[in-house]
Amino acid sequence: MLCSFYAIAEQELRIGVGNFPPFFVEAEKNGIFIEITDAIFSHFPKYRVKYVFMSNHRLLHEINTGGIIDVACNIFPASKLDAFLSEPVFRYRDVAITRKDDNLTIESVGDLQGKSIAAYQGAKELLGTAFKDVAENNQGYSEHAHPSETTNLLISGNKDVRVGDINIFWHDLKSKHHKNEEKTNVNNYQVHYLWEDIYSHMAFRDQALRDAVNEVIIELHENGTFDQIYKKYRLH
């Protein structure tokens, strides 16, 4: 366990993060969640933040053992955690996306029935009982380990609907290089907001630091700082 927050001022603070574009981008040392974390710790100028990139599985292990990181980003409440969890901070916005040319009316989860759907791995268990019912009674439903696969299936016309985080979709469109640029034009897609936002947290080895950061997280939520960061990455 780290010593108290007040005693470790001016020391290096090792923050564990994943490599999950556009939230964490190791090659460029940036991303949406990196900017959010920077905004939080800019309120603690005596700290020298060092980001440590690793897999999500290792991230949970390292924060639980207290080995090489002091703070872990993007931890969900259901995780088996031996550390102190912050207020909700990192936002995921799962949506359904369709091609505008298909003129599909999707106003509720039930409207997805009968549509071919590409979703991220685990979506069937995470997006509620109504979506699970749709998924289990739909031969055109599939889940994919890599979010970019769901984007490819939608823009290629192989699936009617992509289900997943909106920021990942915008990032995928921006990253794709197709001969037909029409397929990666953001204006050619319709976003259907069917689910509430999901938040993950930071986890801390030190409780006093967690408590101090919580005050800043609440302030930055309320004053719109986090919303401004998300808007930078929005393509519409």
C-alpha atoms as a PDB file:
ATOM      1  CA  MET A   1       0.000   0.000   0.000  1.00  0.00           C
ATOM      2  CA  LEU A   2       1.245   3.468  -0.828  1.00  0.00           C
ATOM      3  CA  CYS A   3       1.780   5.883   2.007  1.00  0.00           C
ATOM      4  CA  SER A   4      -0.797   8.621   2.366  1.00  0.00           C
ATOM      5  CA  PHE A   5      -1.592  11.013  -0.461  1.00  0.00           C
ATOM      6  CA  TYR A   6      -0.065  13.943   1.380  1.00  0.00           C
ATOM      7  CA  ALA A   7       3.195  12.156   2.064  1.00  0.00           C
ATOM      8  CA  ILE A   8       3.920  11.164  -1.538  1.00  0.00           C
ATOM      9  CA  ALA A   9       3.647  14.638  -3.065  1.00  0.00           C
ATOM     10  CA  GLU A  10       6.239  15.380  -5.759  1.00  0.00           C
ATOM     11  CA  GLN A  11       6.747  11.685  -6.413  1.00  0.00           C
ATOM     12  CA  GLU A  12       6.114   9.797  -9.624  1.00  0.00           C
ATOM     13  CA  LEU A  13       2.583   8.431  -9.895  1.00  0.00           C
ATOM     14  CA  ARG A  14       2.385   5.322 -12.053  1.00  0.00           C
ATOM     15  CA  ILE A  15      -0.981   5.034 -13.804  1.00  0.00           C
ATOM     16  CA  GLY A  16      -1.822   1.791 -15.549  1.00  0.00           C
ATOM     17  CA  VAL A  17      -3.822   2.032 -18.794  1.00  0.00           C
ATOM     18  CA  GLY A  18      -4.832  -0.321 -21.588  1.00  0.00           C
ATOM     19  CA  ASN A  19      -4.111  -0.040 -25.303  1.00  0.00           C
ATOM     20  CA  PHE A  20      -7.616   0.389 -26.644  1.00  0.00           C
ATOM     21  CA  PRO A  21      -8.081   3.065 -29.348  1.00  0.00           C
ATOM     22  CA  PRO A  22      -9.545   5.633 -29.311  1.00  0.00           C
ATOM     23  CA  PHE A  23      -9.598   5.584 -25.508  1.00  0.00           C
ATOM     24  CA  PHE A  24      -5.952   4.696 -24.937  1.00  0.00           C
ATOM     25  CA  VAL A  25      -3.479   4.839 -27.840  1.00  0.00           C
ATOM     26  CA  GLU A  26      -0.067   3.570 -26.795  1.00  0.00           C
ATOM     27  CA  ALA A  27       1.805   4.530 -29.984  1.00  0.00           C
ATOM     28  CA  GLU A  28       0.779   8.168 -29.673  1.00  0.00           C
ATOM     29  CA  LYS A  29       0.486   8.267 -25.864  1.00  0.00           C
ATOM     30  CA  ASN A  30      -2.952   9.844 -26.085  1.00  0.00           C
ATOM     31  CA  GLY A  31      -6.657   9.091 -26.462  1.00  0.00           C
ATOM     32  CA  ILE A  32      -9.975  10.112 -24.935  1.00  0.00           C
ATOM     33  CA  PHE A  33      -9.376   8.496 -21.557  1.00  0.00           C
ATOM     34  CA  ILE A  34      -5.770   9.718 -21.439  1.00  0.00           C
ATOM     35  CA  GLU A  35      -7.024  13.288 -21.884  1.00  0.00           C
ATOM     36  CA  ILE A  36      -9.596  12.778 -19.143  1.00  0.00           C
ATOM     37  CA  THR A  37      -6.929  11.423 -16.805  1.00  0.00           C
ATOM     38  CA  ASP A  38      -4.619  14.329 -17.664  1.00  0.00           C
ATOM     39  CA  ALA A  39      -7.441  16.766 -16.860  1.00  0.00           C
ATOM     40  CA  ILE A  40      -7.937  15.153 -13.462  1.00  0.00           C
ATOM     41  CA  PHE A  41      -4.293  15.083 -12.459  1.00  0.00           C
ATOM     42  CA  SER A  42      -3.645  18.612 -13.690  1.00  0.00           C
ATOM     43  CA  HIS A  43      -5.301  19.494 -10.377  1.00  0.00           C
ATOM     44  CA  PHE A  44      -2.457  17.713  -8.577  1.00  0.00           C
ATOM     45  CA  PRO A  45       0.609  19.580  -9.904  1.00  0.00           C
ATOM     46  CA  LYS A  46       2.983  18.015  -7.400  1.00  0.00           C
ATOM     47  CA  TYR A  47       2.561  14.661  -9.087  1.00  0.00           C
ATOM     48  CA  ARG A  48       4.602  13.527 -12.069  1.00  0.00           C
ATOM     49  CA  VAL A  49       2.304  11.146 -13.946  1.00  0.00           C
ATOM     50  CA  LYS A  50       3.804   8.184 -15.768  1.00  0.00           C
ATOM     51  CA  TYR A  51       1.515   6.063 -17.950  1.00  0.00           C
ATOM     52  CA  VAL A  52       2.169   2.329 -18.008  1.00  0.00           C
ATOM     53  CA  PHE A  53       0.451   0.564 -20.922  1.00  0.00           C
ATOM     54  CA  MET A  54      -0.596  -3.068 -20.524  1.00  0.00           C
ATOM     55  CA  SER A  55      -3.421  -5.499 -21.267  1.00  0.00           C
ATOM     56  CA  ASN A  56      -6.690  -5.099 -19.395  1.00  0.00           C
ATOM     57  CA  HIS A  57      -6.211  -8.488 -17.728  1.00  0.00           C
ATOM     58  CA  ARG A  58      -2.781  -7.518 -16.445  1.00  0.00           C
ATOM     59  CA  LEU A  59      -4.082  -4.101 -15.388  1.00  0.00           C
ATOM     60  CA  LEU A  60      -6.444  -5.655 -12.859  1.00  0.00           C
ATOM     61  CA  HIS A  61      -3.732  -8.002 -11.593  1.00  0.00           C
ATOM     62  CA  GLU A  62      -1.195  -5.202 -11.117  1.00  0.00           C
ATOM     63  CA  ILE A  63      -3.541  -2.870  -9.220  1.00  0.00           C
ATOM     64  CA  ASN A  64      -4.581  -5.734  -6.952  1.00  0.00           C
ATOM     65  CA  THR A  65      -1.000  -6.716  -6.124  1.00  0.00           C
ATOM     66  CA  GLY A  66       0.400  -3.170  -5.958  1.00  0.00           C
ATOM     67  CA  GLY A  67       3.438  -4.170  -7.963  1.00  0.00           C
ATOM     68  CA  ILE A  68       4.224  -1.660 -10.704  1.00  0.00           C
ATOM     69  CA  ILE A  69       1.277   0.765 -10.708  1.00  0.00           C
ATOM     70  CA  ASP A  70      -0.370   3.041  -8.167  1.00  0.00           C
ATOM     71  CA  VAL A  71      -3.559   3.744 -10.123  1.00  0.00           C
ATOM     72  CA  ALA A  72      -5.475   1.756 -12.748  1.00  0.00           C
ATOM     73  CA  CYS A  73      -7.803   3.307 -15.326  1.00  0.00           C
ATOM     74  CA  ASN A  74     -10.929   1.783 -16.843  1.00  0.00           C
ATOM     75  CA  ILE A  75     -11.929  -0.616 -14.073  1.00  0.00           C
ATOM     76  CA  PHE A  76     -15.518  -1.827 -13.879  1.00  0.00           C
ATOM     77  CA  PRO A  77     -17.368  -2.231 -10.572  1.00  0.00           C
ATOM     78  CA  ALA A  78     -17.948  -5.948 -11.128  1.00  0.00           C
ATOM     79  CA  SER A  79     -14.178  -6.597 -11.254  1.00  0.00           C
ATOM     80  CA  LYS A  80     -12.616  -8.611  -8.440  1.00  0.00           C
ATOM     81  CA  LEU A  81     -10.773  -5.666  -6.968  1.00  0.00           C
ATOM     82  CA  ASP A  82      -8.451  -5.355  -3.975  1.00  0.00           C
ATOM     83  CA  ALA A  83      -8.111  -1.577  -4.250  1.00  0.00           C
ATOM     84  CA  PHE A  84     -10.177   1.588  -3.823  1.00  0.00           C
ATOM     85  CA  LEU A  85     -12.631   2.424  -6.612  1.00  0.00           C
ATOM     86  CA  SER A  86     -13.246   6.018  -7.685  1.00  0.00           C
ATOM     87  CA  GLU A  87     -16.416   7.782  -8.723  1.00  0.00           C
ATOM     88  CA  PRO A  88     -17.586   6.890 -12.271  1.00  0.00           C
ATOM     89  CA  VAL A  89     -15.304   8.687 -14.728  1.00  0.00           C
ATOM     90  CA  PHE A  90     -14.822   7.010 -18.153  1.00  0.00           C
ATOM     91  CA  ARG A  91     -17.904   6.896 -20.383  1.00  0.00           C
ATOM     92  CA  TYR A  92     -18.918   4.260 -22.910  1.00  0.00           C
ATOM     93  CA  ARG A  93     -21.917   4.949 -25.140  1.00  0.00           C
ATOM     94  CA  ASP A  94     -23.254   1.779 -26.726  1.00  0.00           C
ATOM     95  CA  VAL A  95     -25.557   2.461 -29.669  1.00  0.00           C
ATOM     96  CA  ALA A  96     -27.022   0.745 -32.707  1.00  0.00           C
ATOM     97  CA  ILE A  97     -25.787   2.088 -36.047  1.00  0.00           C
ATOM     98  CA  THR A  98     -27.330   1.517 -39.458  1.00  0.00           C
ATOM     99  CA  ARG A  99     -26.763   2.751 -43.003  1.00  0.00           C
ATOM    100  CA  LYS A 100     -29.058   5.681 -43.821  1.00  0.00           C
ATOM    101  CA  ASP A 101     -29.770   4.290 -47.286  1.00  0.00           C
ATOM    102  CA  ASP A 102     -31.427   1.247 -45.674  1.00  0.00           C
ATOM    103  CA  ASN A 103     -34.082   3.511 -44.080  1.00  0.00           C
ATOM    104  CA  LEU A 104     -34.440   1.256 -41.033  1.00  0.00           C
ATOM    105  CA  THR A 105     -36.717   2.439 -38.228  1.00  0.00           C
ATOM    106  CA  ILE A 106     -35.155   1.482 -34.903  1.00  0.00           C
ATOM    107  CA  GLU A 107     -36.668   3.234 -31.921  1.00  0.00           C
ATOM    108  CA  SER A 108     -36.386   0.448 -29.361  1.00  0.00           C
ATOM    109  CA  VAL A 109     -34.351  -2.700 -28.786  1.00  0.00           C
ATOM    110  CA  GLY A 110     -37.317  -4.746 -30.006  1.00  0.00           C
ATOM    111  CA  ASP A 111     -37.002  -3.110 -33.438  1.00  0.00           C
ATOM    112  CA  LEU A 112     -33.686  -4.956 -33.876  1.00  0.00           C
ATOM    113  CA  GLN A 113     -35.531  -8.250 -34.197  1.00  0.00           C
ATOM    114  CA  GLY A 114     -35.062  -9.749 -37.648  1.00  0.00           C
ATOM    115  CA  LYS A 115     -32.071  -7.535 -38.504  1.00  0.00           C
ATOM    116  CA  SER A 116     -28.609  -8.998 -39.008  1.00  0.00           C
ATOM    117  CA  ILE A 117     -26.449  -7.624 -36.172  1.00  0.00           C
ATOM    118  CA  ALA A 118     -22.711  -7.403 -35.503  1.00  0.00           C
ATOM    119  CA  ALA A 119     -21.930  -6.747 -31.828  1.00  0.00           C
ATOM    120  CA  TYR A 120     -18.891  -6.711 -29.580  1.00  0.00           C
ATOM    121  CA  GLN A 121     -17.963  -9.760 -27.543  1.00  0.00           C
ATOM    122  CA  GLY A 122     -20.157 -10.066 -24.464  1.00  0.00           C
ATOM    123  CA  ALA A 123     -22.829  -7.620 -25.640  1.00  0.00           C
ATOM    124  CA  LYS A 124     -25.590 -10.206 -25.237  1.00  0.00           C
ATOM    125  CA  GLU A 125     -24.914 -10.376 -21.498  1.00  0.00           C
ATOM    126  CA  LEU A 126     -24.325  -6.661 -20.937  1.00  0.00           C
ATOM    127  CA  LEU A 127     -27.090  -4.837 -22.798  1.00  0.00           C
ATOM    128  CA  GLY A 128     -30.148  -6.060 -20.925  1.00  0.00           C
ATOM    129  CA  THR A 129     -32.703  -8.826 -21.167  1.00  0.00           C
ATOM    130  CA  ALA A 130     -34.549  -7.340 -24.161  1.00  0.00           C
ATOM    131  CA  PHE A 131     -31.352  -7.320 -26.232  1.00  0.00           C
ATOM    132  CA  LYS A 132     -30.445 -10.823 -25.042  1.00  0.00           C
ATOM    133  CA  ASP A 133     -33.835 -12.070 -26.246  1.00  0.00           C
ATOM    134  CA  VAL A 134     -33.257 -10.456 -29.653  1.00  0.00           C
ATOM    135  CA  ALA A 135     -29.766 -11.942 -29.918  1.00  0.00           C
ATOM    136  CA  GLU A 136     -30.763 -15.469 -28.920  1.00  0.00           C
ATOM    137  CA  ASN A 137     -33.638 -15.565 -31.409  1.00  0.00           C
ATOM    138  CA  ASN A 138     -31.727 -14.148 -34.348  1.00  0.00           C
ATOM    139  CA  GLN A 139     -29.628 -16.312 -36.659  1.00  0.00           C
ATOM    140  CA  GLY A 140     -28.114 -13.144 -38.105  1.00  0.00           C
ATOM    141  CA  TYR A 141     -26.589 -12.123 -34.757  1.00  0.00           C
ATOM    142  CA  SER A 142     -22.840 -12.433 -34.188  1.00  0.00           C
ATOM    143  CA  GLU A 143     -20.290 -11.167 -31.661  1.00  0.00           C
ATOM    144  CA  HIS A 144     -16.691 -10.236 -32.436  1.00  0.00           C
ATOM    145  CA  ALA A 145     -13.582  -9.895 -30.295  1.00  0.00           C
ATOM    146  CA  HIS A 146     -12.264  -6.893 -32.212  1.00  0.00           C
ATOM    147  CA  PRO A 147     -14.637  -3.901 -32.503  1.00  0.00           C
ATOM    148  CA  SER A 148     -13.217  -3.017 -35.922  1.00  0.00           C
ATOM    149  CA  GLU A 149     -14.713  -6.264 -37.249  1.00  0.00           C
ATOM    150  CA  THR A 150     -18.212  -5.023 -36.425  1.00  0.00           C
ATOM    151  CA  THR A 151     -17.518  -1.767 -38.250  1.00  0.00           C
ATOM    152  CA  ASN A 152     -16.222  -3.622 -41.304  1.00  0.00           C
ATOM    153  CA  LEU A 153     -19.332  -5.810 -41.418  1.00  0.00           C
ATOM    154  CA  LEU A 154     -21.618  -2.771 -41.375  1.00  0.00           C
ATOM    155  CA  ILE A 155     -19.809  -0.635 -43.929  1.00  0.00           C
ATOM    156  CA  SER A 156     -19.350  -3.602 -46.274  1.00  0.00           C
ATOM    157  CA  GLY A 157     -23.100  -4.270 -46.232  1.00  0.00           C
ATOM    158  CA  ASN A 158     -22.757  -7.722 -44.667  1.00  0.00           C
ATOM    159  CA  LYS A 159     -24.716  -6.695 -41.560  1.00  0.00           C
ATOM    160  CA  ASP A 160     -27.712  -4.404 -41.135  1.00  0.00           C
ATOM    161  CA  VAL A 161     -26.763  -3.123 -37.679  1.00  0.00           C
ATOM    162  CA  ARG A 162     -23.582  -2.526 -35.705  1.00  0.00           C
ATOM    163  CA  VAL A 163     -23.942  -2.550 -31.913  1.00  0.00           C
ATOM    164  CA  GLY A 164     -21.149  -1.039 -29.847  1.00  0.00           C
ATOM    165  CA  ASP A 165     -19.516   2.110 -28.568  1.00  0.00           C
ATOM    166  CA  ILE A 166     -20.070   5.207 -30.699  1.00  0.00           C
ATOM    167  CA  ASN A 167     -16.542   6.582 -30.191  1.00  0.00           C
ATOM    168  CA  ILE A 168     -14.981   3.359 -31.455  1.00  0.00           C
ATOM    169  CA  PHE A 169     -17.158   3.559 -34.576  1.00  0.00           C
ATOM    170  CA  TRP A 170     -16.117   7.156 -35.331  1.00  0.00           C
ATOM    171  CA  HIS A 171     -12.484   6.158 -34.797  1.00  0.00           C
ATOM    172  CA  ASP A 172     -12.849   3.180 -37.133  1.00  0.00           C
ATOM    173  CA  LEU A 173     -14.397   5.303 -39.892  1.00  0.00           C
ATOM    174  CA  LYS A 174     -11.586   7.820 -39.598  1.00  0.00           C
ATOM    175  CA  SER A 175      -8.987   5.041 -39.756  1.00  0.00           C
ATOM    176  CA  LYS A 176     -10.401   3.128 -42.712  1.00  0.00           C
ATOM    177  CA  HIS A 177      -8.981   3.608 -46.191  1.00  0.00           C
ATOM    178  CA  HIS A 178     -11.434   2.389 -48.816  1.00  0.00           C
ATOM    179  CA  LYS A 179     -11.436   3.079 -52.542  1.00  0.00           C
ATOM    180  CA  ASN A 180     -15.071   4.067 -52.062  1.00  0.00           C
ATOM    181  CA  GLU A 181     -14.882   6.938 -49.568  1.00  0.00           C
ATOM    182  CA  GLU A 182     -18.672   6.999 -49.489  1.00  0.00           C
ATOM    183  CA  LYS A 183     -18.537   4.026 -47.126  1.00  0.00           C
ATOM    184  CA  THR A 184     -16.550   5.918 -44.512  1.00  0.00           C
ATOM    185  CA  ASN A 185     -18.522   9.169 -44.705  1.00  0.00           C
ATOM    186  CA  VAL A 186     -20.027   9.692 -41.256  1.00  0.00           C
ATOM    187  CA  ASN A 187     -23.102  11.359 -42.766  1.00  0.00           C
ATOM    188  CA  ASN A 188     -24.149   8.090 -44.363  1.00  0.00           C
ATOM    189  CA  TYR A 189     -24.890   6.410 -41.030  1.00  0.00           C
ATOM    190  CA  GLN A 190     -27.758   6.686 -38.575  1.00  0.00           C
ATOM    191  CA  VAL A 191     -27.133   6.419 -34.827  1.00  0.00           C
ATOM    192  CA  HIS A 192     -29.870   4.911 -32.654  1.00  0.00           C
ATOM    193  CA  TYR A 193     -29.500   5.647 -28.929  1.00  0.00           C
ATOM    194  CA  LEU A 194     -31.101   2.596 -27.293  1.00  0.00           C
ATOM    195  CA  TRP A 195     -29.112   2.201 -24.071  1.00  0.00           C
ATOM    196  CA  GLU A 196     -27.982   4.242 -21.095  1.00  0.00           C
ATOM    197  CA  ASP A 197     -24.314   5.213 -20.913  1.00  0.00           C
ATOM    198  CA  ILE A 198     -21.936   2.886 -19.067  1.00  0.00           C
ATOM    199  CA  TYR A 199     -19.105   4.174 -16.881  1.00  0.00           C
ATOM    200  CA  SER A 200     -15.869   2.661 -15.673  1.00  0.00           C
ATOM    201  CA  HIS A 201     -13.680   3.913 -12.850  1.00  0.00           C
ATOM    202  CA  MET A 202     -10.158   4.434 -11.607  1.00  0.00           C
ATOM    203  CA  ALA A 203      -8.777   2.132  -8.936  1.00  0.00           C
ATOM    204  CA  PHE A 204      -6.237   3.280  -6.341  1.00  0.00           C
ATOM    205  CA  ARG A 205      -3.853   1.574  -3.987  1.00  0.00           C
ATOM    206  CA  ASP A 206      -4.113   4.581  -1.674  1.00  0.00           C
ATOM    207  CA  GLN A 207      -7.475   5.530  -0.198  1.00  0.00           C
ATOM    208  CA  ALA A 208      -6.575   9.144   0.612  1.00  0.00           C
ATOM    209  CA  LEU A 209      -5.520   9.788  -2.983  1.00  0.00           C
ATOM    210  CA  ARG A 210      -8.752   8.187  -4.213  1.00  0.00           C
ATOM    211  CA  ASP A 211     -10.778  10.485  -1.960  1.00  0.00           C
ATOM    212  CA  ALA A 212      -8.968  13.581  -3.213  1.00  0.00           C
ATOM    213  CA  VAL A 213      -9.380  12.548  -6.864  1.00  0.00           C
ATOM    214  CA  ASN A 214     -13.083  11.880  -6.333  1.00  0.00           C
ATOM    215  CA  GLU A 215     -13.625  15.545  -5.492  1.00  0.00           C
ATOM    216  CA  VAL A 216     -11.971  16.564  -8.761  1.00  0.00           C
ATOM    217  CA  ILE A 217     -13.919  13.998 -10.813  1.00  0.00           C
ATOM    218  CA  ILE A 218     -17.215  15.380  -9.504  1.00  0.00           C
ATOM    219  CA  GLU A 219     -16.103  18.949 -10.258  1.00  0.00           C
ATOM    220  CA  LEU A 220     -15.035  18.130 -13.831  1.00  0.00           C
ATOM    221  CA  HIS A 221     -18.283  16.280 -14.511  1.00  0.00           C
ATOM    222  CA  GLU A 222     -20.284  19.266 -13.305  1.00  0.00           C
ATOM    223  CA  ASN A 223     -18.339  22.018 -15.089  1.00  0.00           C
ATOM    224  CA  GLY A 224     -18.417  20.281 -18.481  1.00  0.00           C
ATOM    225  CA  THR A 225     -14.680  19.566 -18.792  1.00  0.00           C
ATOM    226  CA  PHE A 226     -15.228  15.892 -19.591  1.00  0.00           C
ATOM    227  CA  ASP A 227     -17.964  16.658 -22.141  1.00  0.00           C
ATOM    228  CA  GLN A 228     -15.605  19.008 -23.984  1.00  0.00           C
ATOM    229  CA  ILE A 229     -13.030  16.227 -24.274  1.00  0.00           C
ATOM    230  CA  TYR A 230     -15.581  13.828 -25.755  1.00  0.00           C
ATOM    231  CA  LYS A 231     -16.709  16.487 -28.247  1.00  0.00           C
ATOM    232  CA  LYS A 232     -13.157  16.743 -29.618  1.00  0.00           C
ATOM    233  CA  TYR A 233     -13.412  13.160 -30.827  1.00  0.00           C
ATOM    234  CA  ARG A 234     -16.947  13.389 -32.200  1.00  0.00           C
ATOM    235  CA  LEU A 235     -17.288  13.263 -35.973  1.00  0.00           C
ATOM    236  CA  HIS A 236     -20.814  14.652 -36.234  1.00  0.00           C
END
